[in-house]
N, C-alpha and C. Protein backbone atom coordinates (compact mmCIF):
# COMPACT_ATOMS: atom_id res chain seq x y z
N MET A 1 4.55 149.50 97.06
CA MET A 1 4.22 150.55 95.74
C MET A 1 5.09 150.03 95.29
N SER A 2 5.30 150.22 93.65
CA SER A 2 6.35 149.60 92.60
C SER A 2 6.71 151.25 92.30
N PHE A 3 8.51 150.70 92.11
CA PHE A 3 9.44 152.39 91.96
C PHE A 3 8.37 153.25 90.59
N GLU A 4 8.06 152.79 89.69
CA GLU A 4 7.01 153.47 88.45
C GLU A 4 6.08 154.40 89.34
N GLY A 5 5.26 153.38 90.39
CA GLY A 5 4.42 153.75 90.87
C GLY A 5 4.74 155.25 91.44
N ARG A 6 6.22 155.18 92.17
CA ARG A 6 6.65 155.69 93.71
C ARG A 6 7.05 157.06 92.80
N LEU A 7 7.54 156.90 91.21
CA LEU A 7 8.29 158.39 90.68
C LEU A 7 6.62 158.92 90.49
N ARG A 8 5.91 158.49 89.94
CA ARG A 8 4.59 158.67 89.58
C ARG A 8 4.02 159.93 90.37
N GLU A 9 3.81 159.11 92.10
CA GLU A 9 3.60 159.63 93.32
C GLU A 9 4.50 161.04 93.76
N LEU A 10 5.34 160.95 93.19
CA LEU A 10 6.36 162.09 93.52
C LEU A 10 6.45 163.08 92.52
N GLY A 11 5.47 162.77 90.98
CA GLY A 11 5.80 163.85 90.26
C GLY A 11 7.17 163.83 89.62
N ILE A 12 7.49 162.64 89.40
CA ILE A 12 8.64 163.20 88.32
C ILE A 12 8.66 161.76 87.26
N GLU A 13 8.57 162.90 85.93
CA GLU A 13 9.02 162.15 84.73
C GLU A 13 10.22 162.27 84.29
N LEU A 14 10.80 161.20 84.30
CA LEU A 14 11.78 160.60 82.90
C LEU A 14 12.22 161.22 82.38
N PRO A 15 13.08 162.22 81.65
CA PRO A 15 13.41 162.54 80.93
C PRO A 15 14.11 161.63 79.36
N ALA A 16 14.03 161.83 78.43
CA ALA A 16 14.17 160.40 77.18
C ALA A 16 16.07 160.39 77.75
N PRO A 17 16.57 159.26 77.55
CA PRO A 17 17.63 159.05 77.97
C PRO A 17 18.68 159.94 77.04
N PRO A 18 19.88 160.48 78.08
CA PRO A 18 21.08 161.09 76.51
C PRO A 18 21.67 160.47 75.87
N LYS A 19 22.08 160.84 74.66
CA LYS A 19 22.70 160.11 73.60
C LYS A 19 24.03 159.99 73.83
N PRO A 20 25.61 159.45 74.07
CA PRO A 20 26.21 159.25 74.08
C PRO A 20 27.53 160.49 73.03
N VAL A 21 27.71 160.91 73.87
CA VAL A 21 28.62 161.97 73.26
C VAL A 21 30.50 161.31 72.87
N ALA A 22 30.75 159.91 73.13
CA ALA A 22 31.97 159.69 72.10
C ALA A 22 31.83 157.67 71.93
N THR A 23 33.20 157.20 72.12
CA THR A 23 32.53 156.05 71.59
C THR A 23 32.40 155.03 72.61
N TYR A 24 31.20 154.63 73.64
CA TYR A 24 31.27 153.92 74.57
C TYR A 24 28.91 153.36 74.37
N VAL A 25 28.68 152.95 75.33
CA VAL A 25 27.65 152.76 75.95
C VAL A 25 26.77 153.18 76.42
N PRO A 26 25.85 153.41 76.85
CA PRO A 26 24.91 154.21 77.86
C PRO A 26 25.55 153.19 79.28
N ALA A 27 25.14 151.84 79.26
CA ALA A 27 25.33 150.59 80.48
C ALA A 27 25.23 149.31 79.65
N VAL A 28 25.79 148.77 80.36
CA VAL A 28 26.24 147.13 80.35
C VAL A 28 25.43 146.17 81.71
N GLN A 29 25.19 145.51 80.92
CA GLN A 29 24.88 144.03 82.22
C GLN A 29 25.61 142.88 81.96
N ALA A 30 25.92 142.93 83.69
CA ALA A 30 26.77 141.59 83.87
C ALA A 30 26.08 141.20 85.19
N GLY A 31 25.61 139.90 84.39
CA GLY A 31 24.71 139.07 85.54
C GLY A 31 23.80 139.67 86.20
N ASP A 32 23.66 139.68 87.58
CA ASP A 32 22.39 140.82 88.08
C ASP A 32 23.05 142.20 88.16
N LEU A 33 23.62 142.60 87.90
CA LEU A 33 24.57 144.12 88.02
C LEU A 33 24.22 145.19 86.63
N LEU A 34 23.80 145.82 86.57
CA LEU A 34 23.53 146.73 85.53
C LEU A 34 25.12 148.12 86.02
N PHE A 35 25.85 148.23 84.81
CA PHE A 35 26.78 149.35 85.69
C PHE A 35 26.76 150.72 84.24
N LEU A 36 26.42 151.57 84.66
CA LEU A 36 25.99 152.82 84.07
C LEU A 36 27.52 153.30 83.42
N SER A 37 27.87 154.06 82.47
CA SER A 37 28.70 155.37 81.81
C SER A 37 28.43 156.24 82.97
N GLY A 38 29.54 157.15 82.65
CA GLY A 38 29.66 158.35 83.67
C GLY A 38 27.88 159.67 82.75
N VAL A 39 27.25 160.21 83.70
CA VAL A 39 25.97 160.46 83.00
C VAL A 39 26.47 162.35 83.58
N ILE A 40 25.98 162.97 82.63
CA ILE A 40 25.96 164.42 82.90
C ILE A 40 24.72 164.91 83.11
N PRO A 41 24.16 166.61 83.58
CA PRO A 41 23.37 166.90 83.77
C PRO A 41 23.01 167.34 82.26
N PHE A 42 22.25 167.04 81.47
CA PHE A 42 21.66 166.97 80.27
C PHE A 42 20.22 167.04 80.44
N ARG A 43 20.04 168.01 79.57
CA ARG A 43 18.38 167.88 79.50
C ARG A 43 18.04 168.63 78.35
N ASN A 44 17.11 168.16 77.03
CA ASN A 44 17.21 168.05 75.95
C ASN A 44 18.33 168.33 74.68
N GLY A 45 19.51 167.60 75.69
CA GLY A 45 20.88 167.86 74.42
C GLY A 45 21.68 168.55 74.77
N LYS A 46 21.34 169.33 75.87
CA LYS A 46 22.01 170.80 76.21
C LYS A 46 22.63 170.32 78.01
N LEU A 47 23.94 170.80 78.44
CA LEU A 47 24.31 170.94 79.87
C LEU A 47 22.95 172.02 80.34
N THR A 48 22.92 171.31 81.62
CA THR A 48 21.90 172.56 82.20
C THR A 48 22.66 173.72 83.00
N MET A 49 23.68 173.31 83.48
CA MET A 49 24.73 174.57 83.97
C MET A 49 26.00 173.80 83.40
N GLU A 50 27.00 174.95 83.29
CA GLU A 50 28.51 174.48 83.12
C GLU A 50 29.40 175.11 84.31
N GLY A 51 30.67 174.39 84.54
CA GLY A 51 31.25 175.26 85.67
C GLY A 51 32.02 174.52 87.16
N LYS A 52 32.64 175.09 87.57
CA LYS A 52 33.26 174.47 89.12
C LYS A 52 32.97 175.24 90.05
N LEU A 53 32.67 174.15 91.06
CA LEU A 53 31.78 174.45 92.64
C LEU A 53 32.86 174.77 93.07
N GLY A 54 32.43 176.02 93.97
CA GLY A 54 33.51 176.45 94.30
C GLY A 54 34.35 178.04 93.52
N ARG A 55 33.35 178.15 92.60
CA ARG A 55 34.37 179.13 91.85
C ARG A 55 32.94 179.56 90.74
N ASP A 56 32.49 178.75 89.49
CA ASP A 56 31.48 179.38 88.94
C ASP A 56 30.10 179.18 89.67
N LEU A 57 29.61 177.94 90.80
CA LEU A 57 28.24 177.16 90.90
C LEU A 57 28.42 177.32 92.80
N THR A 58 27.12 177.69 93.22
CA THR A 58 26.72 176.99 94.54
C THR A 58 26.70 175.62 95.01
N VAL A 59 26.88 175.33 95.95
CA VAL A 59 26.51 174.22 96.34
C VAL A 59 25.15 173.95 95.85
N GLU A 60 24.20 174.26 96.44
CA GLU A 60 22.55 174.15 95.55
C GLU A 60 22.46 174.15 94.50
N GLN A 61 23.24 174.58 93.76
CA GLN A 61 23.30 174.56 92.04
C GLN A 61 23.69 173.19 91.70
N GLY A 62 25.18 172.93 92.43
CA GLY A 62 25.55 171.63 92.71
C GLY A 62 24.83 170.23 92.65
N TYR A 63 23.60 170.56 93.82
CA TYR A 63 22.65 169.73 94.63
C TYR A 63 22.27 168.88 93.42
N GLU A 64 21.45 170.29 92.63
CA GLU A 64 20.16 170.68 91.46
C GLU A 64 20.81 169.62 89.97
N ALA A 65 22.10 169.53 89.82
CA ALA A 65 22.90 169.28 88.61
C ALA A 65 23.01 167.77 88.86
N ALA A 66 23.41 167.60 90.24
CA ALA A 66 22.99 165.94 90.77
C ALA A 66 21.60 165.32 90.06
N HIS A 67 21.18 166.14 90.93
CA HIS A 67 19.70 165.40 90.40
C HIS A 67 19.15 165.58 89.41
N ILE A 68 19.62 166.40 88.09
CA ILE A 68 19.17 166.14 86.71
C ILE A 68 20.11 165.30 85.93
N ALA A 69 21.31 164.74 87.19
CA ALA A 69 22.00 163.71 86.19
C ALA A 69 21.45 162.43 86.45
N LEU A 70 20.95 162.59 87.58
CA LEU A 70 20.23 161.39 88.57
C LEU A 70 19.41 160.99 87.11
N LEU A 71 18.29 161.74 87.27
CA LEU A 71 16.86 161.17 86.37
C LEU A 71 17.45 161.18 84.86
N ASN A 72 18.26 161.58 84.53
CA ASN A 72 19.01 160.94 83.13
C ASN A 72 19.63 159.39 83.40
N ALA A 73 20.46 158.64 84.88
CA ALA A 73 20.79 157.67 84.95
C ALA A 73 19.61 156.76 84.62
N LEU A 74 18.94 157.13 85.73
CA LEU A 74 17.37 156.73 85.41
C LEU A 74 16.64 156.60 84.12
N SER A 75 16.74 156.89 83.89
CA SER A 75 15.98 157.26 82.51
C SER A 75 16.67 155.99 81.48
N ILE A 76 18.25 155.94 81.50
CA ILE A 76 18.62 154.54 81.16
C ILE A 76 18.57 153.53 81.56
N VAL A 77 18.47 153.53 83.10
CA VAL A 77 18.52 152.26 83.69
C VAL A 77 16.59 151.45 83.18
N ARG A 78 15.93 152.83 83.02
CA ARG A 78 14.42 151.83 82.51
C ARG A 78 14.76 151.88 80.70
N THR A 79 15.73 152.39 80.40
CA THR A 79 15.65 152.08 78.82
C THR A 79 16.33 150.77 78.51
N GLU A 80 16.95 150.63 79.37
CA GLU A 80 17.96 148.99 79.41
C GLU A 80 17.11 148.38 80.46
N LEU A 81 16.50 148.25 81.14
CA LEU A 81 15.51 147.40 81.33
C LEU A 81 14.24 147.10 81.66
N GLY A 82 13.57 148.32 81.10
CA GLY A 82 11.63 148.26 80.07
C GLY A 82 11.37 148.63 81.47
N THR A 83 11.70 148.43 82.79
CA THR A 83 10.78 149.28 83.47
C THR A 83 12.05 149.69 85.13
N LEU A 84 11.98 150.80 85.98
CA LEU A 84 12.10 150.21 86.86
C LEU A 84 11.83 149.46 87.60
N ASP A 85 10.95 148.87 87.96
CA ASP A 85 10.58 148.21 88.70
C ASP A 85 11.14 146.92 88.81
N ARG A 86 12.38 146.31 87.83
CA ARG A 86 13.00 145.46 87.75
C ARG A 86 14.40 145.61 89.21
N VAL A 87 13.98 147.20 88.96
CA VAL A 87 15.56 147.56 90.13
C VAL A 87 15.64 146.61 91.24
N LYS A 88 16.23 146.08 92.44
CA LYS A 88 16.40 145.14 93.73
C LYS A 88 17.07 145.59 94.14
N ARG A 89 18.38 146.96 94.04
CA ARG A 89 18.98 148.04 94.69
C ARG A 89 19.69 148.62 94.00
N ILE A 90 19.80 149.62 94.18
CA ILE A 90 21.04 150.48 93.98
C ILE A 90 22.20 150.17 94.66
N VAL A 91 23.29 149.87 94.29
CA VAL A 91 24.28 149.03 94.76
C VAL A 91 25.51 150.46 95.01
N ARG A 92 25.93 150.74 93.96
CA ARG A 92 27.11 151.87 94.60
C ARG A 92 26.85 153.28 93.47
N LEU A 93 26.76 154.50 93.76
CA LEU A 93 26.81 155.47 93.41
C LEU A 93 28.35 156.52 93.28
N VAL A 94 28.91 156.32 92.27
CA VAL A 94 30.25 157.88 92.22
C VAL A 94 29.47 158.88 91.40
N GLY A 95 30.22 160.12 92.16
CA GLY A 95 29.93 161.35 91.96
C GLY A 95 31.13 162.08 91.97
N HIS A 96 31.61 162.70 90.48
CA HIS A 96 32.43 163.39 90.52
C HIS A 96 31.95 165.14 90.10
N VAL A 97 32.90 165.70 91.32
CA VAL A 97 32.13 166.86 91.09
C VAL A 97 33.63 167.52 90.51
N ALA A 98 33.34 169.11 89.85
CA ALA A 98 34.21 169.72 89.21
C ALA A 98 34.45 170.85 90.41
N SER A 99 35.76 170.63 90.83
CA SER A 99 36.14 171.88 92.14
C SER A 99 37.12 173.03 91.70
N ALA A 100 36.64 173.61 92.07
CA ALA A 100 38.14 174.86 92.41
C ALA A 100 38.95 174.42 93.51
N GLU A 101 39.66 175.23 93.48
CA GLU A 101 41.15 175.10 94.57
C GLU A 101 40.24 174.98 95.78
N GLY A 102 40.18 174.44 96.62
CA GLY A 102 39.93 174.65 98.12
C GLY A 102 38.63 174.27 98.50
N PHE A 103 37.66 174.06 96.96
CA PHE A 103 36.11 172.83 97.69
C PHE A 103 36.25 171.61 98.03
N VAL A 104 35.46 171.76 99.43
CA VAL A 104 35.75 170.37 100.31
C VAL A 104 34.08 169.93 100.37
N GLN A 105 33.01 170.53 99.33
CA GLN A 105 31.42 170.36 99.91
C GLN A 105 30.75 169.04 98.45
N GLN A 106 31.98 168.43 97.99
CA GLN A 106 31.64 167.16 97.09
C GLN A 106 30.39 166.61 97.59
N PRO A 107 30.23 165.99 98.81
CA PRO A 107 28.96 165.16 99.38
C PRO A 107 28.25 165.95 99.52
N ALA A 108 28.18 167.10 100.13
CA ALA A 108 26.78 168.19 99.72
C ALA A 108 26.13 167.66 98.05
N VAL A 109 27.13 167.82 97.63
CA VAL A 109 26.28 168.64 95.92
C VAL A 109 25.85 166.33 95.77
N ILE A 110 26.95 165.75 95.74
CA ILE A 110 26.01 164.15 95.16
C ILE A 110 24.92 163.98 95.90
N ASN A 111 24.78 164.62 97.65
CA ASN A 111 23.40 164.35 98.18
C ASN A 111 22.34 164.42 97.35
N GLY A 112 22.29 165.37 95.97
CA GLY A 112 21.41 165.67 94.87
C GLY A 112 20.85 164.29 94.44
N ALA A 113 21.56 163.39 93.88
CA ALA A 113 21.43 161.88 93.43
C ALA A 113 20.94 161.20 94.46
N SER A 114 21.99 161.24 95.93
CA SER A 114 21.67 160.14 96.40
C SER A 114 20.26 160.29 97.28
N ASP A 115 19.99 161.52 97.53
CA ASP A 115 18.38 162.09 98.39
C ASP A 115 17.29 161.65 97.82
N LEU A 116 17.95 161.84 96.24
CA LEU A 116 16.61 161.35 94.96
C LEU A 116 15.95 159.71 95.21
N LEU A 117 17.16 159.31 95.17
CA LEU A 117 17.62 157.20 94.90
C LEU A 117 16.59 157.17 96.18
N VAL A 118 17.03 157.68 97.54
CA VAL A 118 16.27 157.25 99.01
C VAL A 118 14.64 157.71 98.71
N SER A 119 14.51 158.76 98.10
CA SER A 119 12.98 159.09 97.96
C SER A 119 12.22 157.95 96.74
N ILE A 120 13.08 157.73 95.82
CA ILE A 120 12.52 156.64 94.44
C ILE A 120 12.24 155.31 95.69
N PHE A 121 13.47 154.51 95.87
CA PHE A 121 13.28 153.87 95.93
C PHE A 121 14.20 152.87 97.56
N GLY A 122 13.52 153.95 98.87
CA GLY A 122 13.77 153.39 99.53
C GLY A 122 14.77 152.71 100.35
N GLU A 123 14.65 152.40 100.88
CA GLU A 123 15.54 150.92 101.44
C GLU A 123 16.82 150.27 100.32
N ALA A 124 15.96 150.14 99.38
CA ALA A 124 16.66 149.60 98.27
C ALA A 124 17.81 150.99 97.56
N GLY A 125 17.23 152.09 97.34
CA GLY A 125 17.95 152.94 97.64
C GLY A 125 19.52 153.13 98.13
N ARG A 126 19.43 153.08 99.60
CA ARG A 126 20.31 153.08 100.12
C ARG A 126 21.65 152.61 99.42
N HIS A 127 22.70 153.50 99.07
CA HIS A 127 23.78 152.60 98.80
C HIS A 127 25.29 152.63 99.19
N ALA A 128 25.87 152.24 98.33
CA ALA A 128 27.47 153.03 99.16
C ALA A 128 27.69 153.83 98.06
N ARG A 129 28.85 154.98 98.74
CA ARG A 129 28.85 155.92 97.55
C ARG A 129 30.53 156.69 97.45
N VAL A 130 31.16 157.42 96.46
CA VAL A 130 32.14 157.85 96.44
C VAL A 130 31.55 159.39 96.01
N ALA A 131 32.21 160.52 96.89
CA ALA A 131 32.00 161.77 96.32
C ALA A 131 33.26 162.52 95.84
N VAL A 132 33.91 162.91 94.54
CA VAL A 132 35.21 163.28 94.78
C VAL A 132 35.29 164.20 93.80
N GLY A 133 36.51 164.97 94.18
CA GLY A 133 36.51 166.52 93.27
C GLY A 133 37.11 165.65 92.26
N SER A 134 37.53 166.62 91.05
CA SER A 134 37.55 166.70 89.91
C SER A 134 38.09 167.79 88.98
N VAL A 135 39.41 168.30 88.91
CA VAL A 135 39.64 169.19 88.74
C VAL A 135 38.97 169.87 86.89
N GLN A 136 38.17 168.83 86.32
CA GLN A 136 37.85 168.83 84.71
C GLN A 136 37.12 168.43 84.19
N LEU A 137 35.67 168.02 83.79
CA LEU A 137 34.54 166.71 83.54
C LEU A 137 34.44 167.15 81.95
N PRO A 138 34.08 166.52 81.72
CA PRO A 138 33.22 166.36 80.15
C PRO A 138 32.74 167.45 79.77
N LEU A 139 32.94 168.72 79.19
CA LEU A 139 31.99 169.01 78.33
C LEU A 139 32.27 170.65 79.51
N ASN A 140 32.87 170.78 80.16
CA ASN A 140 32.64 171.41 81.58
C ASN A 140 31.47 171.42 82.18
N SER A 141 31.20 169.83 82.73
CA SER A 141 30.19 169.67 83.18
C SER A 141 30.59 169.85 84.84
N PRO A 142 29.08 170.35 85.57
CA PRO A 142 29.59 170.71 87.21
C PRO A 142 29.88 169.24 87.59
N VAL A 143 29.34 168.24 87.13
CA VAL A 143 29.26 166.51 88.12
C VAL A 143 29.22 165.79 86.68
N GLU A 144 29.30 164.75 87.49
CA GLU A 144 29.49 163.29 86.55
C GLU A 144 29.19 162.31 86.86
N LEU A 145 28.05 161.31 87.34
CA LEU A 145 27.29 159.74 88.17
C LEU A 145 27.43 158.64 87.40
N GLU A 146 28.13 157.89 88.35
CA GLU A 146 28.32 156.31 87.75
C GLU A 146 27.62 155.80 88.91
N LEU A 147 26.68 154.69 87.85
CA LEU A 147 25.89 153.91 89.07
C LEU A 147 26.32 152.53 88.48
N ILE A 148 26.35 151.83 89.71
CA ILE A 148 26.20 150.38 89.96
C ILE A 148 24.96 149.47 90.40
N VAL A 149 23.58 149.05 89.70
CA VAL A 149 22.86 148.94 89.72
C VAL A 149 21.94 147.40 89.92
N GLN A 150 21.90 146.64 91.07
CA GLN A 150 21.59 145.15 90.65
C GLN A 150 19.90 144.98 90.25
N VAL A 151 19.69 144.32 89.71
CA VAL A 151 18.16 143.40 88.51
C VAL A 151 18.42 142.80 89.07
N SER A 152 16.77 143.03 88.68
CA SER A 152 15.70 140.97 89.05
C SER A 152 15.98 140.93 87.44
């Protein structure tokens, strides 16, 4: 089954790709690698939630924020490539988590993105990963994701 077919099977509809909020492009392709700029959990042009994990938001809310951010990232990938079926492999995911002092569950938050990648892409969705705490993220976002995708 194609990755586009897998999205339909899972009942996932990708949103419109978010517009850049500063001077950058959403993605750059170099050879067979597509590098995505940081993506935050926008829905209809607005952040779905704000604040820091461990103070303002629970791990479950952070997981959902990472899930939403990943849907936006995949929308950018589809826009750049024309179809998700050109994805050969998800190479690397970097997840930044806005973290209150003492919060150490960044990996559990970024699983919101990782779990979805594996659900959609199967073995091609298993990726190298960094999940790191940040003092503050743009627009008071709770998470920001970066992706590196190998394409055909």
